Amino acid sequence: MKIGILGVGHLAQYLVQGAHGVEFVLSPGSGGKAERLAARFGCVVARSNQAVVDQCALVLVCLPAATGPSVLAGLQFRDGQSVCSAMAGAAWGALAAAVAPARAFCTMMPGFANAFSVGPSLLFPDDADWAAFLARLGPVHRFDDAQSYETAAVFGAMSGASFYLLRQLMRWYVAQGLEEGVARVLVAETFRGNAEVFLQSDAGLDAIADGVTTKGGITAQLVAVLEDKGALAAWDAGMDAVLARMVPGR
């Protein structure tokens, strides 16, 4: 499998690291990132963005969302090509117009977790080639309708924000005198274990919450403080704001 990448930043670095067995052709002009990836993973660095497009039937767009559309508008794509955008908030319709006559697809993934091949990816619309590539990076969720994909794509921000939550919890333990390495592992293992409960248990979410909460107990105490401070509802407000930014009018 050969894939060209336009835009070599952190996301492209994570994907190259996680997608074993893929031949990557990278765009230049990334402050040396492309050259470092080439040296480490055997990628090819093209002379220009257009050279990436000319050499690859599959093109992955990892450009910044603010400048990506204008970059794509200056490139010449061809019939039979397949272009998948990982730009946050990139509307499929606008992407399709920019890369015509190539076929257009959108994806979203957490990034860092994909470097370890454990991060979920979204794909809209479904496509066998892109699904096969994304499967090298973790689970793939395929969507056939734009609205469901747009809603699910907010998880890109949710994933990033979750690191701030994990860091906040770890820092609390450290402030109380727990060794940093122990705190990091404890927080990570707790969230990983709870995630497995969500994935493996047949119980509903309310039943799971009730099952770990004793009336008047320490979990109930912590949840009450968080609710009083608006900490839980703030996640709704934040994700609403991200969705409105990514999909104006939603």
Foldseek 3Di string as FASTA:
>chain_A
DEEEEEDDDLQVLLLLLQQPPYAYEYEDDPVCRVVVSCVVRVHHYDPHPQRSQVVDLEYEYPHELVCRLVVLQPHAHDANGEYEYQHFLDDQVSVPVSRPPHHYKYKYWQRNQLSVLDIEMEIPADDDVVCVRNNSRHHYHHDDDDVVRLLVRLVNVVSVVVVVVLVVQLVVVVVVPDDSVVSNVVSVVVVVVVVVCVVPPPDDPVVVVVVVDDVVDDVVVVVVVCVVVCNVVVVVVVSVVSSCVSPPPD
